[in-house]
Protein backbone atom coordinates (compact mmCIF):
# COMPACT_ATOMS: atom_id res chain seq x y z
CA MET A 1 0.36 0.15 0.04
CA THR A 2 1.56 3.33 -1.08
CA ALA A 3 0.52 6.83 -1.66
CA GLU A 4 -0.58 7.85 -5.45
CA THR A 5 -0.32 11.00 -6.68
CA GLY A 6 -2.41 10.18 -9.66
CA ASP A 7 -2.90 13.18 -12.22
CA GLU A 8 -1.54 16.68 -12.00
CA GLY A 9 -3.73 18.31 -9.42
CA ALA A 10 -5.33 15.16 -8.64
CA PRO A 11 -5.72 14.59 -4.53
CA PRO A 12 -3.51 12.00 -3.29
CA ARG A 13 -4.81 8.81 -2.80
CA ARG A 14 -3.46 5.65 -0.62
CA VAL A 15 -5.26 1.97 0.03
CA LEU A 16 -6.79 1.52 3.12
CA CYS A 17 -8.15 -2.07 2.89
CA ARG A 18 -9.96 -4.03 0.63
CA ALA A 19 -13.92 -3.53 -0.41
CA GLY A 20 -14.75 -6.29 0.72
CA ASP A 21 -13.40 -6.05 4.25
CA ILE A 22 -16.44 -3.62 5.09
CA GLY A 23 -19.74 -5.32 4.77
CA GLU A 24 -23.21 -3.78 4.77
CA ALA A 25 -23.89 -2.01 7.83
CA ALA A 26 -20.20 -2.41 9.17
CA GLY A 27 -16.75 -0.41 9.70
CA LYS A 28 -13.30 -0.59 10.41
CA GLY A 29 -11.36 1.81 11.93
CA PHE A 30 -7.34 2.85 10.69
CA VAL A 31 -5.05 4.72 12.46
CA LEU A 32 -2.94 7.28 10.30
CA GLY A 33 0.49 9.27 10.98
CA GLU A 34 2.44 8.81 14.68
CA GLY A 35 3.22 11.02 16.83
CA ARG A 36 1.45 14.64 16.97
CA ARG A 37 0.11 13.89 13.46
CA LYS A 38 -1.44 10.57 14.56
CA ARG A 39 -5.36 10.93 13.75
CA GLU A 40 -7.92 7.75 13.96
CA ILE A 41 -10.53 7.66 10.91
CA PHE A 42 -13.09 5.26 10.47
CA VAL A 43 -15.17 4.09 7.52
CA VAL A 44 -18.66 2.34 7.04
CA ARG A 45 -21.16 1.09 4.37
CA LYS A 46 -24.47 1.70 4.22
CA GLU A 47 -26.66 0.78 1.52
CA GLY A 48 -23.72 -0.19 -0.74
CA ARG A 49 -22.01 3.50 -0.24
CA ILE A 50 -18.97 3.96 1.75
CA PHE A 51 -18.36 7.07 4.47
CA GLY A 52 -14.96 8.16 5.97
CA TYR A 53 -14.92 10.55 9.54
CA LEU A 54 -12.13 10.93 12.22
CA ASN A 55 -13.37 8.55 15.24
CA SER A 56 -13.58 11.19 17.49
CA CYS A 57 -17.29 12.38 19.20
CA PRO A 58 -17.63 16.01 18.96
CA HIS A 59 -18.78 16.49 22.23
CA ALA A 60 -15.62 14.41 23.94
CA GLY A 61 -13.34 13.79 21.39
CA THR A 62 -13.76 10.06 22.47
CA PRO A 63 -13.53 7.37 20.02
CA LEU A 64 -17.16 6.06 19.00
CA ASP A 65 -16.28 2.51 19.00
CA TRP A 66 -17.43 0.50 22.04
CA MET A 67 -15.24 -2.08 20.22
CA PRO A 68 -13.27 -2.12 17.97
CA ASP A 69 -14.72 -1.59 14.35
CA ARG A 70 -18.16 -1.46 16.06
CA PHE A 71 -20.03 1.84 14.87
CA PHE A 72 -23.09 0.72 14.22
CA THR A 73 -26.27 0.84 16.19
CA ASN A 74 -27.67 -2.92 16.65
CA ASP A 75 -30.27 -2.17 13.88
CA GLY A 76 -27.89 -0.46 11.47
CA ARG A 77 -28.94 2.59 11.00
CA PHE A 78 -27.20 4.62 12.83
CA LEU A 79 -23.77 5.53 14.07
CA ILE A 80 -23.42 5.51 18.01
CA CYS A 81 -20.86 7.03 20.40
CA ALA A 82 -20.02 4.38 22.86
CA THR A 83 -19.07 7.03 25.52
CA HIS A 84 -22.26 8.57 25.54
CA GLY A 85 -25.16 7.05 23.03
CA ALA A 86 -25.20 9.58 21.17
CA LEU A 87 -26.70 8.68 17.63
CA PHE A 88 -25.09 10.18 14.34
CA GLU A 89 -26.39 10.13 10.95
CA VAL A 90 -24.47 7.98 8.54
CA GLU A 91 -24.69 9.88 5.19
CA ASP A 92 -23.50 13.74 7.10
CA GLY A 93 -22.29 12.57 10.56
CA MET A 94 -24.98 15.10 11.71
CA CYS A 95 -25.87 14.28 15.79
CA LEU A 96 -29.55 13.22 16.08
CA ARG A 97 -29.48 12.79 19.75
CA GLY A 98 -26.99 13.24 22.34
CA PRO A 99 -25.26 15.89 24.10
CA CYS A 100 -23.81 16.87 20.79
CA ARG A 101 -27.07 17.32 18.94
CA GLY A 102 -26.85 19.69 16.21
CA LEU A 103 -23.02 19.14 16.15
CA ALA A 104 -21.24 16.62 13.44
CA LEU A 105 -18.44 14.23 12.81
CA ASP A 106 -15.21 15.71 10.84
CA PRO A 107 -15.64 13.97 7.51
CA VAL A 108 -12.53 12.27 6.17
CA ALA A 109 -12.91 12.30 2.33
CA VAL A 110 -12.41 8.08 0.75
CA ALA A 111 -13.75 6.51 -2.10
CA GLU A 112 -14.33 3.08 -3.27
CA GLU A 113 -12.67 1.65 -6.61
CA GLY A 114 -12.88 -1.36 -7.55
CA ASP A 115 -11.42 -4.05 -5.25
CA GLU A 116 -10.07 -0.88 -2.85
CA ILE A 117 -10.72 1.60 -0.49
CA LEU A 118 -8.90 4.69 -0.75
CA LEU A 119 -8.11 7.54 1.29
CA LEU A 120 -8.24 10.78 -0.56
CA GLU A 121 -6.69 13.14 1.33
CA PRO A 122 -3.14 13.99 2.06
CA ASP A 123 -1.24 11.62 4.51
CA GLU A 124 2.28 11.83 5.28
CA GLY A 125 2.74 9.16 7.97
CA PRO A 126 3.35 5.00 7.74
CA GLU A 127 0.86 2.76 5.87
CA PRO A 128 -2.68 3.25 7.62
CA MET A 129 -3.21 0.00 10.16
CA PRO A 130 -6.12 -1.29 11.43
CA ALA A 131 -7.10 0.60 14.45
CA SER A 132 -7.74 -2.58 16.63
CA ALA A 133 -3.61 -3.70 15.70
CA ALA A 134 -2.51 0.14 16.92
CA GLY A 135 -3.77 -0.92 20.31
CA SER A 136 -6.58 1.91 20.39
CA THR A 137 -8.48 1.67 23.22
CA PRO A 138 -12.36 2.97 22.76
CA GLY A 139 -14.30 4.76 25.01
CA CYS A 140 -13.00 5.99 28.21
């Protein structure tokens, strides 16, 4: 997995995982960068579409997943914060219920092309790794 520059002026592209690694109403967390540049993101699939967000609740800054890669409510309709139970729309990250109502998750530009999920933002760090492999601790 390497960063690709593609056409002049096109956004950088980096492979995060295989498309088949993220099923319907499921997600996967990743750690990008290290040190002060470290950031945790997640990618989810709903109704066949891919969405990416920073893995940080807008209320307290805690990760959303209550277990590695678990971002959805049981019925698969909403994203849920493990710390406060806040509910978020998958399509735009808006908080519908909870202490951050009216705020939104920070989007991350991702795309699905062929059999790959791509990060479409600059990332100068080492290769992305699954958050579960990086020793991420969900919740607080």
